Amino acid sequence: MRELFAGGRIVELILALMALEELALGLYHRRTGRGIAPLDLVLNLAAGALLLLALRAALVDSDPLAPAPYLAASLFAHVADLARRWRP
């Protein structure tokens, strides 16, 4: 278990599970018309995935600024997600 965290493999496993989640929910929406709209789902998962990539960068990279680009991109994805959902 320690190796999963030390090498950042845990993040890769979680990202793979997130990709499966996106696929399953996307197929469900396509077949039934119910559930989360595809763009809303992608923006939400992108924000989370970018946070996970920031974690991976912090775990495996010796540069303390390595997570910064992922954190910034996650902020943009999160704001885009909020903007789509925030309706007057």
N, C-alpha and C. Protein backbone atom coordinates (compact mmCIF):
# COMPACT_ATOMS: atom_id res chain seq x y z
N MET A 1 0.83 -1.19 0.00
CA MET A 1 0.00 0.00 0.00
C MET A 1 0.87 1.26 0.00
N ARG A 2 1.98 1.18 0.71
CA ARG A 2 2.88 2.33 0.78
C ARG A 2 3.40 2.70 -0.61
N GLU A 3 3.68 1.69 -1.46
CA GLU A 3 4.20 1.94 -2.80
C GLU A 3 3.16 2.65 -3.67
N LEU A 4 1.88 2.33 -3.45
CA LEU A 4 0.82 3.00 -4.21
C LEU A 4 0.85 4.51 -4.00
N PHE A 5 1.08 4.92 -2.77
CA PHE A 5 1.10 6.34 -2.47
C PHE A 5 2.44 6.97 -2.84
N ALA A 6 3.53 6.31 -2.54
CA ALA A 6 4.86 6.88 -2.78
C ALA A 6 5.10 7.14 -4.26
N GLY A 7 4.64 6.25 -5.12
CA GLY A 7 4.86 6.43 -6.54
C GLY A 7 3.74 7.13 -7.27
N GLY A 8 2.70 7.52 -6.54
CA GLY A 8 1.58 8.20 -7.17
C GLY A 8 0.63 7.26 -7.89
N ARG A 9 0.83 5.96 -7.77
CA ARG A 9 -0.03 4.99 -8.46
C ARG A 9 -1.48 5.05 -7.98
N ILE A 10 -1.67 5.41 -6.73
CA ILE A 10 -3.03 5.49 -6.19
C ILE A 10 -3.84 6.51 -6.98
N VAL A 11 -3.20 7.60 -7.36
CA VAL A 11 -3.88 8.64 -8.13
C VAL A 11 -4.28 8.09 -9.50
N GLU A 12 -3.38 7.34 -10.12
CA GLU A 12 -3.69 6.76 -11.42
C GLU A 12 -4.85 5.78 -11.34
N LEU A 13 -4.92 5.01 -10.26
CA LEU A 13 -6.04 4.09 -10.07
C LEU A 13 -7.36 4.85 -9.90
N ILE A 14 -7.33 5.90 -9.12
CA ILE A 14 -8.54 6.71 -8.91
C ILE A 14 -8.97 7.38 -10.21
N LEU A 15 -8.01 7.87 -10.99
CA LEU A 15 -8.34 8.48 -12.28
C LEU A 15 -8.98 7.46 -13.23
N ALA A 16 -8.49 6.24 -13.20
CA ALA A 16 -9.08 5.18 -14.03
C ALA A 16 -10.52 4.91 -13.60
N LEU A 17 -10.76 4.89 -12.30
CA LEU A 17 -12.13 4.70 -11.80
C LEU A 17 -13.02 5.87 -12.20
N MET A 18 -12.47 7.07 -12.19
CA MET A 18 -13.25 8.24 -12.61
C MET A 18 -13.60 8.16 -14.09
N ALA A 19 -12.68 7.65 -14.90
CA ALA A 19 -12.96 7.49 -16.33
C ALA A 19 -14.09 6.48 -16.54
N LEU A 20 -14.07 5.40 -15.77
CA LEU A 20 -15.16 4.41 -15.85
C LEU A 20 -16.48 5.02 -15.40
N GLU A 21 -16.43 5.85 -14.37
CA GLU A 21 -17.62 6.54 -13.88
C GLU A 21 -18.20 7.44 -14.98
N GLU A 22 -17.33 8.18 -15.64
CA GLU A 22 -17.78 9.07 -16.71
C GLU A 22 -18.42 8.27 -17.85
N LEU A 23 -17.80 7.17 -18.19
CA LEU A 23 -18.31 6.33 -19.26
C LEU A 23 -19.68 5.76 -18.88
N ALA A 24 -19.80 5.24 -17.68
CA ALA A 24 -21.07 4.64 -17.24
C ALA A 24 -22.18 5.69 -17.17
N LEU A 25 -21.88 6.83 -16.57
CA LEU A 25 -22.91 7.87 -16.45
C LEU A 25 -23.26 8.47 -17.81
N GLY A 26 -22.26 8.59 -18.68
CA GLY A 26 -22.53 9.09 -20.02
C GLY A 26 -23.42 8.15 -20.81
N LEU A 27 -23.15 6.85 -20.73
CA LEU A 27 -24.00 5.87 -21.41
C LEU A 27 -25.41 5.87 -20.83
N TYR A 28 -25.51 5.99 -19.52
CA TYR A 28 -26.82 6.04 -18.88
C TYR A 28 -27.61 7.25 -19.39
N HIS A 29 -26.96 8.39 -19.46
CA HIS A 29 -27.64 9.60 -19.93
C HIS A 29 -28.05 9.46 -21.39
N ARG A 30 -27.18 8.88 -22.19
CA ARG A 30 -27.48 8.71 -23.62
C ARG A 30 -28.68 7.77 -23.82
N ARG A 31 -28.74 6.72 -23.04
CA ARG A 31 -29.83 5.73 -23.21
C ARG A 31 -31.16 6.18 -22.63
N THR A 32 -31.10 6.90 -21.49
CA THR A 32 -32.35 7.24 -20.80
C THR A 32 -32.73 8.70 -20.91
N GLY A 33 -31.76 9.57 -21.19
CA GLY A 33 -32.03 11.00 -21.20
C GLY A 33 -32.07 11.58 -19.79
N ARG A 34 -31.82 10.75 -18.80
CA ARG A 34 -31.83 11.19 -17.40
C ARG A 34 -30.40 11.23 -16.87
N GLY A 35 -30.26 11.80 -15.70
CA GLY A 35 -28.94 11.87 -15.08
C GLY A 35 -28.27 13.20 -15.37
N ILE A 36 -26.98 13.19 -15.25
CA ILE A 36 -26.19 14.42 -15.40
C ILE A 36 -25.87 14.65 -16.87
N ALA A 37 -26.08 15.87 -17.32
CA ALA A 37 -25.76 16.23 -18.71
C ALA A 37 -24.26 16.02 -18.94
N PRO A 38 -23.88 15.56 -20.12
CA PRO A 38 -22.47 15.24 -20.37
C PRO A 38 -21.49 16.36 -20.09
N LEU A 39 -21.78 17.59 -20.50
CA LEU A 39 -20.83 18.68 -20.25
C LEU A 39 -20.70 18.98 -18.76
N ASP A 40 -21.82 18.93 -18.05
CA ASP A 40 -21.76 19.14 -16.60
C ASP A 40 -20.89 18.07 -15.94
N LEU A 41 -21.05 16.85 -16.38
CA LEU A 41 -20.28 15.75 -15.82
C LEU A 41 -18.79 15.92 -16.12
N VAL A 42 -18.47 16.26 -17.34
CA VAL A 42 -17.06 16.42 -17.73
C VAL A 42 -16.41 17.54 -16.94
N LEU A 43 -17.08 18.68 -16.80
CA LEU A 43 -16.49 19.79 -16.05
C LEU A 43 -16.28 19.42 -14.59
N ASN A 44 -17.24 18.74 -14.00
CA ASN A 44 -17.12 18.34 -12.61
C ASN A 44 -15.98 17.35 -12.42
N LEU A 45 -15.93 16.34 -13.27
CA LEU A 45 -14.87 15.34 -13.15
C LEU A 45 -13.50 15.93 -13.49
N ALA A 46 -13.46 16.88 -14.41
CA ALA A 46 -12.18 17.51 -14.76
C ALA A 46 -11.60 18.26 -13.57
N ALA A 47 -12.44 18.97 -12.83
CA ALA A 47 -11.95 19.68 -11.65
C ALA A 47 -11.36 18.70 -10.64
N GLY A 48 -12.06 17.61 -10.41
CA GLY A 48 -11.55 16.60 -9.49
C GLY A 48 -10.30 15.91 -9.99
N ALA A 49 -10.27 15.59 -11.27
CA ALA A 49 -9.11 14.92 -11.85
C ALA A 49 -7.87 15.82 -11.77
N LEU A 50 -8.05 17.10 -12.00
CA LEU A 50 -6.92 18.02 -11.92
C LEU A 50 -6.41 18.16 -10.48
N LEU A 51 -7.32 18.09 -9.52
CA LEU A 51 -6.87 18.09 -8.12
C LEU A 51 -6.07 16.82 -7.82
N LEU A 52 -6.51 15.70 -8.37
CA LEU A 52 -5.76 14.46 -8.19
C LEU A 52 -4.38 14.54 -8.85
N LEU A 53 -4.30 15.16 -10.01
CA LEU A 53 -3.01 15.32 -10.65
C LEU A 53 -2.09 16.23 -9.84
N ALA A 54 -2.66 17.22 -9.18
CA ALA A 54 -1.87 18.07 -8.29
C ALA A 54 -1.33 17.24 -7.12
N LEU A 55 -2.17 16.36 -6.59
CA LEU A 55 -1.72 15.47 -5.52
C LEU A 55 -0.59 14.58 -6.01
N ARG A 56 -0.75 14.02 -7.19
CA ARG A 56 0.30 13.15 -7.74
C ARG A 56 1.61 13.92 -7.92
N ALA A 57 1.51 15.14 -8.42
CA ALA A 57 2.72 15.96 -8.59
C ALA A 57 3.39 16.22 -7.24
N ALA A 58 2.58 16.44 -6.21
CA ALA A 58 3.15 16.68 -4.88
C ALA A 58 3.80 15.42 -4.32
N LEU A 59 3.23 14.27 -4.65
CA LEU A 59 3.77 13.01 -4.13
C LEU A 59 5.07 12.60 -4.80
N VAL A 60 5.19 12.82 -6.11
CA VAL A 60 6.32 12.25 -6.84
C VAL A 60 7.35 13.28 -7.31
N ASP A 61 7.02 14.55 -7.32
CA ASP A 61 7.94 15.56 -7.84
C ASP A 61 8.63 16.28 -6.69
N SER A 62 9.90 16.55 -6.86
CA SER A 62 10.65 17.23 -5.80
C SER A 62 10.45 18.75 -5.85
N ASP A 63 9.92 19.26 -6.95
CA ASP A 63 9.69 20.70 -7.07
C ASP A 63 8.42 21.08 -6.32
N PRO A 64 8.51 21.96 -5.33
CA PRO A 64 7.32 22.34 -4.57
C PRO A 64 6.26 23.07 -5.39
N LEU A 65 6.65 23.61 -6.55
CA LEU A 65 5.68 24.31 -7.40
C LEU A 65 5.03 23.40 -8.44
N ALA A 66 5.40 22.14 -8.47
CA ALA A 66 4.87 21.21 -9.47
C ALA A 66 3.34 21.11 -9.46
N PRO A 67 2.68 21.14 -8.30
CA PRO A 67 1.21 21.04 -8.31
C PRO A 67 0.50 22.31 -8.79
N ALA A 68 1.19 23.43 -8.83
CA ALA A 68 0.56 24.72 -9.12
C ALA A 68 -0.22 24.76 -10.43
N PRO A 69 0.31 24.30 -11.56
CA PRO A 69 -0.48 24.37 -12.79
C PRO A 69 -1.76 23.54 -12.73
N TYR A 70 -1.69 22.40 -12.06
CA TYR A 70 -2.88 21.56 -11.93
C TYR A 70 -3.92 22.23 -11.03
N LEU A 71 -3.46 22.88 -9.98
CA LEU A 71 -4.39 23.59 -9.10
C LEU A 71 -5.06 24.74 -9.83
N ALA A 72 -4.29 25.48 -10.62
CA ALA A 72 -4.85 26.60 -11.39
C ALA A 72 -5.87 26.09 -12.41
N ALA A 73 -5.53 25.03 -13.11
CA ALA A 73 -6.46 24.47 -14.10
C ALA A 73 -7.72 23.93 -13.43
N SER A 74 -7.55 23.35 -12.25
CA SER A 74 -8.71 22.85 -11.51
C SER A 74 -9.65 23.99 -11.12
N LEU A 75 -9.07 25.11 -10.74
CA LEU A 75 -9.89 26.28 -10.42
C LEU A 75 -10.72 26.71 -11.63
N PHE A 76 -10.10 26.76 -12.80
CA PHE A 76 -10.83 27.15 -14.00
C PHE A 76 -11.95 26.16 -14.33
N ALA A 77 -11.68 24.87 -14.19
CA ALA A 77 -12.71 23.87 -14.44
C ALA A 77 -13.85 24.00 -13.43
N HIS A 78 -13.50 24.26 -12.19
CA HIS A 78 -14.52 24.42 -11.14
C HIS A 78 -15.38 25.65 -11.40
N VAL A 79 -14.75 26.76 -11.77
CA VAL A 79 -15.51 27.99 -12.06
C VAL A 79 -16.41 27.78 -13.27
N ALA A 80 -15.91 27.09 -14.29
CA ALA A 80 -16.73 26.80 -15.48
C ALA A 80 -17.92 25.92 -15.09
N ASP A 81 -17.69 24.96 -14.22
CA ASP A 81 -18.78 24.09 -13.75
C ASP A 81 -19.82 24.91 -12.99
N LEU A 82 -19.36 25.77 -12.10
CA LEU A 82 -20.30 26.62 -11.35
C LEU A 82 -21.07 27.56 -12.28
N ALA A 83 -20.38 28.13 -13.26
CA ALA A 83 -21.04 29.06 -14.17
C ALA A 83 -22.15 28.37 -14.97
N ARG A 84 -21.93 27.13 -15.36
CA ARG A 84 -22.97 26.39 -16.08
C ARG A 84 -24.17 26.08 -15.19
N ARG A 85 -23.90 25.82 -13.93
CA ARG A 85 -24.98 25.42 -13.03
C ARG A 85 -25.72 26.62 -12.43
N TRP A 86 -25.04 27.74 -12.31
CA TRP A 86 -25.62 28.92 -11.66
C TRP A 86 -26.51 29.65 -12.67
N ARG A 87 -27.76 29.41 -12.56
CA ARG A 87 -28.73 30.03 -13.47
C ARG A 87 -29.60 31.02 -12.71
N PRO A 88 -29.88 32.16 -13.31
CA PRO A 88 -30.74 33.14 -12.62
C PRO A 88 -32.17 32.66 -12.49
